[in-house]
C-alpha atoms as a PDB file:
ATOM      1  CA  UNK A   1     114.836  89.773  79.891  1.00  0.00           C
ATOM      2  CA  UNK A   2     114.592  86.549  81.845  1.00  0.00           C
ATOM      3  CA  UNK A   3     112.770  87.625  85.006  1.00  0.00           C
ATOM      4  CA  UNK A   4     111.353  84.185  85.705  1.00  0.00           C
ATOM      5  CA  UNK A   5     108.819  85.519  88.206  1.00  0.00           C
ATOM      6  CA  UNK A   6     107.439  88.165  85.879  1.00  0.00           C
ATOM      7  CA  UNK A   7     107.425  86.285  82.592  1.00  0.00           C
ATOM      8  CA  UNK A   8     107.109  82.627  83.502  1.00  0.00           C
ATOM      9  CA  UNK A   9     105.242  82.215  86.764  1.00  0.00           C
ATOM     10  CA  UNK A  10     103.478  85.581  87.136  1.00  0.00           C
ATOM     11  CA  UNK A  11     102.255  86.602  83.675  1.00  0.00           C
ATOM     12  CA  UNK A  12      99.298  88.443  85.196  1.00  0.00           C
ATOM     13  CA  UNK A  13     101.724  90.781  86.936  1.00  0.00           C
ATOM     14  CA  UNK A  14     103.072  91.976  83.608  1.00  0.00           C
ATOM     15  CA  UNK A  15      99.550  93.043  82.664  1.00  0.00           C
ATOM     16  CA  UNK A  16      99.214  95.216  85.769  1.00  0.00           C
ATOM     17  CA  UNK A  17      98.390  93.294  88.896  1.00  0.00           C
ATOM     18  CA  UNK A  18      95.674  95.544  90.284  1.00  0.00           C
ATOM     19  CA  UNK A  19      94.223  97.088  87.183  1.00  0.00           C
ATOM     20  CA  UNK A  20      90.781  96.334  88.613  1.00  0.00           C
ATOM     21  CA  UNK A  21      91.343  97.404  92.221  1.00  0.00           C
ATOM     22  CA  UNK A  22      87.864  98.153  93.617  1.00  0.00           C
ATOM     23  CA  UNK A  23      87.085 101.748  94.493  1.00  0.00           C
ATOM     24  CA  UNK A  24      87.952 102.553  98.115  1.00  0.00           C
ATOM     25  CA  UNK A  25      89.424 105.446 100.021  1.00  0.00           C
ATOM     26  CA  UNK A  26      92.820 104.122  98.930  1.00  0.00           C
ATOM     27  CA  UNK A  27      94.314 104.942  95.494  1.00  0.00           C
ATOM     28  CA  UNK A  28      93.510 102.848  92.445  1.00  0.00           C
ATOM     29  CA  UNK A  29      96.087 101.674  89.913  1.00  0.00           C
ATOM     30  CA  UNK A  30      95.652 101.934  86.163  1.00  0.00           C
ATOM     31  CA  UNK A  31      97.801 100.415  83.462  1.00  0.00           C
ATOM     32  CA  UNK A  32      99.823 102.950  81.448  1.00  0.00           C
ATOM     33  CA  UNK A  33     102.158 102.626  78.484  1.00  0.00           C
ATOM     34  CA  UNK A  34     104.875 104.120  80.679  1.00  0.00           C
ATOM     35  CA  UNK A  35     104.704 101.137  83.053  1.00  0.00           C
ATOM     36  CA  UNK A  36     108.109  99.598  83.761  1.00  0.00           C
ATOM     37  CA  UNK A  37     109.887  97.181  86.095  1.00  0.00           C
ATOM     38  CA  UNK A  38     112.916  97.400  88.342  1.00  0.00           C
ATOM     39  CA  UNK A  39     115.266  94.599  89.336  1.00  0.00           C
ATOM     40  CA  UNK A  40     113.959  91.220  90.450  1.00  0.00           C
ATOM     41  CA  UNK A  41     115.040  87.844  91.806  1.00  0.00           C
ATOM     42  CA  UNK A  42     112.730  84.859  91.391  1.00  0.00           C
ATOM     43  CA  UNK A  43     112.508  81.103  91.861  1.00  0.00           C
ATOM     44  CA  UNK A  44     110.211  78.704  90.013  1.00  0.00           C
ATOM     45  CA  UNK A  45     108.226  77.067  88.837  1.00  0.00           C
ATOM     46  CA  UNK A  46     108.861  74.180  91.183  1.00  0.00           C
ATOM     47  CA  UNK A  47     108.020  70.578  90.344  1.00  0.00           C
ATOM     48  CA  UNK A  48     106.386  70.470  93.773  1.00  0.00           C
ATOM     49  CA  UNK A  49     104.311  73.305  95.266  1.00  0.00           C
ATOM     50  CA  UNK A  50     104.882  75.983  97.869  1.00  0.00           C
ATOM     51  CA  UNK A  51     103.230  75.717 101.286  1.00  0.00           C
ATOM     52  CA  UNK A  52     104.962  78.614 103.078  1.00  0.00           C
ATOM     53  CA  UNK A  53     107.164  81.565 102.180  1.00  0.00           C
ATOM     54  CA  UNK A  54     108.649  84.221 104.431  1.00  0.00           C
ATOM     55  CA  UNK A  55     111.072  87.083 103.899  1.00  0.00           C
ATOM     56  CA  UNK A  56     112.142  90.281 105.643  1.00  0.00           C
ATOM     57  CA  UNK A  57     112.383  93.455 103.568  1.00  0.00           C
ATOM     58  CA  UNK A  58     114.093  96.732 104.383  1.00  0.00           C
ATOM     59  CA  UNK A  59     112.623  98.931 101.635  1.00  0.00           C
ATOM     60  CA  UNK A  60     114.815 102.040 101.820  1.00  0.00           C
ATOM     61  CA  UNK A  61     113.223 105.466 101.655  1.00  0.00           C
ATOM     62  CA  UNK A  62     110.316 106.000  99.285  1.00  0.00           C
ATOM     63  CA  UNK A  63     110.728 108.886  96.816  1.00  0.00           C
ATOM     64  CA  UNK A  64     110.137 112.206  98.647  1.00  0.00           C
ATOM     65  CA  UNK A  65     107.608 113.114  95.944  1.00  0.00           C
ATOM     66  CA  UNK A  66     105.780 110.868  93.521  1.00  0.00           C
ATOM     67  CA  UNK A  67     104.422 111.456  90.017  1.00  0.00           C
ATOM     68  CA  UNK A  68     102.822 108.044  89.459  1.00  0.00           C
ATOM     69  CA  UNK A  69     102.538 104.887  91.529  1.00  0.00           C
ATOM     70  CA  UNK A  70     105.403 102.652  92.644  1.00  0.00           C
ATOM     71  CA  UNK A  71     105.154  99.218  94.244  1.00  0.00           C
ATOM     72  CA  UNK A  72     107.565  96.809  95.919  1.00  0.00           C
ATOM     73  CA  UNK A  73     106.398  93.258  96.563  1.00  0.00           C
ATOM     74  CA  UNK A  74     107.369  89.645  97.027  1.00  0.00           C
ATOM     75  CA  UNK A  75     104.874  87.678  94.949  1.00  0.00           C
ATOM     76  CA  UNK A  76     103.731  84.093  94.738  1.00  0.00           C
ATOM     77  CA  UNK A  77     101.593  82.487  92.020  1.00  0.00           C
ATOM     78  CA  UNK A  78     100.854  79.386  90.017  1.00  0.00           C
ATOM     79  CA  UNK A  79     101.139  81.408  86.803  1.00  0.00           C
ATOM     80  CA  UNK A  80      97.486  81.193  85.803  1.00  0.00           C
ATOM     81  CA  UNK A  81      95.545  81.908  89.000  1.00  0.00           C
ATOM     82  CA  UNK A  82      95.759  84.193  91.999  1.00  0.00           C
ATOM     83  CA  UNK A  83      98.807  86.352  92.674  1.00  0.00           C
ATOM     84  CA  UNK A  84      99.568  86.610  96.393  1.00  0.00           C
ATOM     85  CA  UNK A  85     101.434  89.867  97.020  1.00  0.00           C
ATOM     86  CA  UNK A  86     101.951  92.119 100.001  1.00  0.00           C
ATOM     87  CA  UNK A  87     102.762  95.541  98.528  1.00  0.00           C
ATOM     88  CA  UNK A  88     104.758  98.526  99.736  1.00  0.00           C
ATOM     89  CA  UNK A  89     103.285 101.465  97.854  1.00  0.00           C
ATOM     90  CA  UNK A  90     104.307 105.020  96.927  1.00  0.00           C
ATOM     91  CA  UNK A  91     101.570 107.338  95.612  1.00  0.00           C
ATOM     92  CA  UNK A  92     101.499 111.108  94.979  1.00  0.00           C
ATOM     93  CA  UNK A  93      99.685 111.303  98.327  1.00  0.00           C
ATOM     94  CA  UNK A  94     100.333 108.522 100.839  1.00  0.00           C
ATOM     95  CA  UNK A  95      98.354 110.135 103.644  1.00  0.00           C
ATOM     96  CA  UNK A  96      95.557 107.567 103.140  1.00  0.00           C
ATOM     97  CA  UNK A  97      97.563 105.096 105.240  1.00  0.00           C
ATOM     98  CA  UNK A  98      99.103 107.663 107.579  1.00  0.00           C
ATOM     99  CA  UNK A  99     102.483 107.789 105.814  1.00  0.00           C
ATOM    100  CA  UNK A 100     104.640 110.900 105.641  1.00  0.00           C
ATOM    101  CA  UNK A 101     106.974 111.990 102.826  1.00  0.00           C
ATOM    102  CA  UNK A 102     109.617 109.317 102.241  1.00  0.00           C
ATOM    103  CA  UNK A 103     107.480 106.566 103.809  1.00  0.00           C
ATOM    104  CA  UNK A 104     105.624 103.674 102.188  1.00  0.00           C
ATOM    105  CA  UNK A 105     102.124 102.335 102.662  1.00  0.00           C
ATOM    106  CA  UNK A 106     101.973  98.567 103.139  1.00  0.00           C
ATOM    107  CA  UNK A 107      98.964  96.275 102.715  1.00  0.00           C
ATOM    108  CA  UNK A 108      98.516  92.570 102.164  1.00  0.00           C
ATOM    109  CA  UNK A 109      96.920  92.095  98.761  1.00  0.00           C
ATOM    110  CA  UNK A 110      95.665  89.539  96.262  1.00  0.00           C
ATOM    111  CA  UNK A 111      95.090  89.794  92.520  1.00  0.00           C
ATOM    112  CA  UNK A 112      92.928  87.359  90.561  1.00  0.00           C
ATOM    113  CA  UNK A 113      90.145  87.102  88.007  1.00  0.00           C
ATOM    114  CA  UNK A 114      87.934  88.943  90.514  1.00  0.00           C
ATOM    115  CA  UNK A 115      90.221  91.988  90.541  1.00  0.00           C
ATOM    116  CA  UNK A 116      92.217  93.187  93.560  1.00  0.00           C
ATOM    117  CA  UNK A 117      91.473  92.504  97.219  1.00  0.00           C
ATOM    118  CA  UNK A 118      93.284  94.252 100.067  1.00  0.00           C
ATOM    119  CA  UNK A 119      93.873  93.992 103.770  1.00  0.00           C
ATOM    120  CA  UNK A 120      94.334  96.911 106.132  1.00  0.00           C
ATOM    121  CA  UNK A 121      97.215  99.355 105.572  1.00  0.00           C
ATOM    122  CA  UNK A 122      99.974 100.946 107.668  1.00  0.00           C
ATOM    123  CA  UNK A 123     102.890 103.350 107.094  1.00  0.00           C
ATOM    124  CA  UNK A 124     106.426 101.958 106.782  1.00  0.00           C
ATOM    125  CA  UNK A 125     109.646 103.951 107.109  1.00  0.00           C
ATOM    126  CA  UNK A 126     112.607 103.246 104.860  1.00  0.00           C
ATOM    127  CA  UNK A 127     114.709 101.670 107.601  1.00  0.00           C
ATOM    128  CA  UNK A 128     111.945  99.478 109.020  1.00  0.00           C
ATOM    129  CA  UNK A 129     112.502  95.715 108.737  1.00  0.00           C
ATOM    130  CA  UNK A 130     109.185  94.119 107.748  1.00  0.00           C
ATOM    131  CA  UNK A 131     108.568  90.387 107.824  1.00  0.00           C
ATOM    132  CA  UNK A 132     106.180  89.249 105.094  1.00  0.00           C
ATOM    133  CA  UNK A 133     104.740  85.777 105.630  1.00  0.00           C
ATOM    134  CA  UNK A 134     102.562  83.725 103.263  1.00  0.00           C
ATOM    135  CA  UNK A 135     101.280  80.477 104.738  1.00  0.00           C
ATOM    136  CA  UNK A 136      98.852  77.837 103.460  1.00  0.00           C
ATOM    137  CA  UNK A 137      96.285  77.141 106.156  1.00  0.00           C
ATOM    138  CA  UNK A 138      95.116  73.753 107.439  1.00  0.00           C
ATOM    139  CA  UNK A 139      92.144  73.672 105.041  1.00  0.00           C
ATOM    140  CA  UNK A 140      94.647  73.266 102.205  1.00  0.00           C
ATOM    141  CA  UNK A 141      93.301  76.141 100.103  1.00  0.00           C
ATOM    142  CA  UNK A 142      93.403  79.372 102.139  1.00  0.00           C
ATOM    143  CA  UNK A 143      96.518  81.529 102.073  1.00  0.00           C
ATOM    144  CA  UNK A 144      97.110  83.868 105.001  1.00  0.00           C
ATOM    145  CA  UNK A 145      99.345  86.897 104.465  1.00  0.00           C
ATOM    146  CA  UNK A 146     100.839  88.754 107.418  1.00  0.00           C
ATOM    147  CA  UNK A 147     103.147  91.786 107.467  1.00  0.00           C
ATOM    148  CA  UNK A 148     104.898  92.510 110.780  1.00  0.00           C
ATOM    149  CA  UNK A 149     107.281  95.182 112.062  1.00  0.00           C
ATOM    150  CA  UNK A 150     110.228  93.012 113.139  1.00  0.00           C
ATOM    151  CA  UNK A 151     111.517  95.394 115.805  1.00  0.00           C
ATOM    152  CA  UNK A 152     108.217  95.803 117.660  1.00  0.00           C
ATOM    153  CA  UNK A 153     106.221  92.721 116.657  1.00  0.00           C
ATOM    154  CA  UNK A 154     103.345  94.980 115.584  1.00  0.00           C
ATOM    155  CA  UNK A 155     101.121  93.590 112.847  1.00  0.00           C
ATOM    156  CA  UNK A 156     100.992  96.042 109.956  1.00  0.00           C
ATOM    157  CA  UNK A 157      98.540  94.228 107.686  1.00  0.00           C
ATOM    158  CA  UNK A 158      96.920  90.840 107.158  1.00  0.00           C
ATOM    159  CA  UNK A 159      94.673  89.158 104.621  1.00  0.00           C
ATOM    160  CA  UNK A 160      93.333  85.635 103.991  1.00  0.00           C
ATOM    161  CA  UNK A 161      91.728  84.188 100.886  1.00  0.00           C
ATOM    162  CA  UNK A 162      91.093  80.762  99.348  1.00  0.00           C
ATOM    163  CA  UNK A 163      93.447  80.658  96.366  1.00  0.00           C
ATOM    164  CA  UNK A 164      94.176  76.932  96.136  1.00  0.00           C
ATOM    165  CA  UNK A 165      97.289  74.963  97.067  1.00  0.00           C
ATOM    166  CA  UNK A 166      99.174  75.041  93.780  1.00  0.00           C
ATOM    167  CA  UNK A 167     101.565  77.978  94.146  1.00  0.00           C
ATOM    168  CA  UNK A 168     104.709  77.141  92.195  1.00  0.00           C
ATOM    169  CA  UNK A 169     106.790  80.321  91.930  1.00  0.00           C
ATOM    170  CA  UNK A 170     108.051  83.077  94.216  1.00  0.00           C
ATOM    171  CA  UNK A 171     110.016  86.250  93.680  1.00  0.00           C
ATOM    172  CA  UNK A 172     110.377  89.979  94.132  1.00  0.00           C
ATOM    173  CA  UNK A 173     108.766  92.757  92.130  1.00  0.00           C
ATOM    174  CA  UNK A 174     109.542  96.458  91.652  1.00  0.00           C
ATOM    175  CA  UNK A 175     106.658  97.903  89.636  1.00  0.00           C
ATOM    176  CA  UNK A 176     106.485 101.449  88.280  1.00  0.00           C
ATOM    177  CA  UNK A 177     103.210 102.682  86.760  1.00  0.00           C
ATOM    178  CA  UNK A 178     101.915 105.905  85.201  1.00  0.00           C
ATOM    179  CA  UNK A 179     105.402 107.307  84.628  1.00  0.00           C
ATOM    180  CA  UNK A 180     106.255 106.968  88.305  1.00  0.00           C
ATOM    181  CA  UNK A 181     109.226 108.336  90.181  1.00  0.00           C
ATOM    182  CA  UNK A 182     111.361 105.205  90.531  1.00  0.00           C
ATOM    183  CA  UNK A 183     113.024 103.893  93.648  1.00  0.00           C
ATOM    184  CA  UNK A 184     115.657 106.211  95.113  1.00  0.00           C
ATOM    185  CA  UNK A 185     117.149 103.612  97.461  1.00  0.00           C
ATOM    186  CA  UNK A 186     118.058  99.951  97.248  1.00  0.00           C
ATOM    187  CA  UNK A 187     115.853  97.281  98.810  1.00  0.00           C
ATOM    188  CA  UNK A 188     117.214  94.368 100.820  1.00  0.00           C
ATOM    189  CA  UNK A 189     115.393  91.094 101.419  1.00  0.00           C
ATOM    190  CA  UNK A 190     116.939  88.860 104.095  1.00  0.00           C
ATOM    191  CA  UNK A 191     116.362  85.312 105.289  1.00  0.00           C
ATOM    192  CA  UNK A 192     113.925  84.367 102.553  1.00  0.00           C
ATOM    193  CA  UNK A 193     112.685  80.829 103.264  1.00  0.00           C
ATOM    194  CA  UNK A 194     110.451  78.923 100.838  1.00  0.00           C
ATOM    195  CA  UNK A 195     108.950  75.636 102.028  1.00  0.00           C
ATOM    196  CA  UNK A 196     107.818  73.072  99.463  1.00  0.00           C
ATOM    197  CA  UNK A 197     105.259  70.313  99.925  1.00  0.00           C
ATOM    198  CA  UNK A 198     107.711  67.753  98.572  1.00  0.00           C
ATOM    199  CA  UNK A 199     111.433  67.861  97.868  1.00  0.00           C
ATOM    200  CA  UNK A 200     112.504  69.336  94.525  1.00  0.00           C
ATOM    201  CA  UNK A 201     116.240  69.035  93.936  1.00  0.00           C
ATOM    202  CA  UNK A 202     116.070  71.265  90.829  1.00  0.00           C
ATOM    203  CA  UNK A 203     114.234  74.192  92.443  1.00  0.00           C
ATOM    204  CA  UNK A 204     117.461  76.106  93.058  1.00  0.00           C
ATOM    205  CA  UNK A 205     118.352  75.846  89.372  1.00  0.00           C
ATOM    206  CA  UNK A 206     115.330  77.970  88.466  1.00  0.00           C
ATOM    207  CA  UNK A 207     116.619  81.125  90.142  1.00  0.00           C
ATOM    208  CA  UNK A 208     116.702  84.165  87.858  1.00  0.00           C
ATOM    209  CA  UNK A 209     117.719  87.812  88.221  1.00  0.00           C
ATOM    210  CA  UNK A 210     117.151  90.997  86.237  1.00  0.00           C
ATOM    211  CA  UNK A 211     118.358  94.597  86.039  1.00  0.00           C
ATOM    212  CA  UNK A 212     121.266  94.377  88.466  1.00  0.00           C
ATOM    213  CA  UNK A 213     119.512  92.476  91.240  1.00  0.00           C
ATOM    214  CA  UNK A 214     121.746  90.024  93.103  1.00  0.00           C
ATOM    215  CA  UNK A 215     121.397  87.284  95.693  1.00  0.00           C
ATOM    216  CA  UNK A 216     123.626  85.268  98.005  1.00  0.00           C
ATOM    217  CA  UNK A 217     123.309  82.200 100.179  1.00  0.00           C
ATOM    218  CA  UNK A 218     120.915  80.069  98.143  1.00  0.00           C
ATOM    219  CA  UNK A 219     120.825  76.687  99.899  1.00  0.00           C
ATOM    220  CA  UNK A 220     118.745  73.712 100.968  1.00  0.00           C
ATOM    221  CA  UNK A 221     119.664  70.822 103.241  1.00  0.00           C
ATOM    222  CA  UNK A 222     116.786  68.606 102.146  1.00  0.00           C
ATOM    223  CA  UNK A 223     115.588  70.086  98.806  1.00  0.00           C
ATOM    224  CA  UNK A 224     112.312  70.908 100.558  1.00  0.00           C
ATOM    225  CA  UNK A 225     113.134  74.027 102.577  1.00  0.00           C
ATOM    226  CA  UNK A 226     115.018  76.542 100.441  1.00  0.00           C
ATOM    227  CA  UNK A 227     116.758  79.626 101.819  1.00  0.00           C
ATOM    228  CA  UNK A 228     118.147  82.754 100.186  1.00  0.00           C
ATOM    229  CA  UNK A 229     120.223  84.619 102.747  1.00  0.00           C
ATOM    230  CA  UNK A 230     120.196  88.005 101.034  1.00  0.00           C
ATOM    231  CA  UNK A 231     118.547  89.598  97.983  1.00  0.00           C
ATOM    232  CA  UNK A 232     119.684  93.063  96.904  1.00  0.00           C
ATOM    233  CA  UNK A 233     117.555  95.132  94.513  1.00  0.00           C
ATOM    234  CA  UNK A 234     119.301  98.305  93.281  1.00  0.00           C
ATOM    235  CA  UNK A 235     117.600 101.669  92.997  1.00  0.00           C
ATOM    236  CA  UNK A 236     116.014 102.210  89.584  1.00  0.00           C
ATOM    237  CA  UNK A 237     118.005 104.174  86.998  1.00  0.00           C
END
């Protein structure tokens, strides 16, 4: 398949992005031969670099019961270094974040050579619109992740880490591990806006889709700020 995010700009994701998640009260992922991927839409790599990326996801209901671990995430990477990813997670028991059956746990997260680092976690219902913002800070190396409930303005999770300025690709991920129960509802990403450091007129040409995922409204007025109006990721089959 040509999932540009997974194969070109985020090769570490294919290997299991939090294989080395440190032991906490929260669940820990392990790589399994039954690992698989759902649909995806991605952009990159850019000839410039990304300085900000924001999207709003409505995740749909999580599976009412779970046999493995399932993750939804928009990810951003330079292909060889850190993977910035805020994850919506479905585990056999999601009570660790306060979620009920059919709800997700969300936490801002980062994968790198050091393993997996996480922010705080909150429950997310299937119909909740969640804004996920990645923004390079004024020091030029720290990325701040913030997840916010759009309807209330409540912060659901946040995390900051120095990962360097050279993020070149962005896209969605639907990751199924340990023979998981796949998604039972479609996900919708709206008003995705990716800001580049310098204009790149060819950035839009790098867009790629997989496994029935679709997008609409890809545009840029200045080749620096790129917008995708809607991304639709179908339920896994």
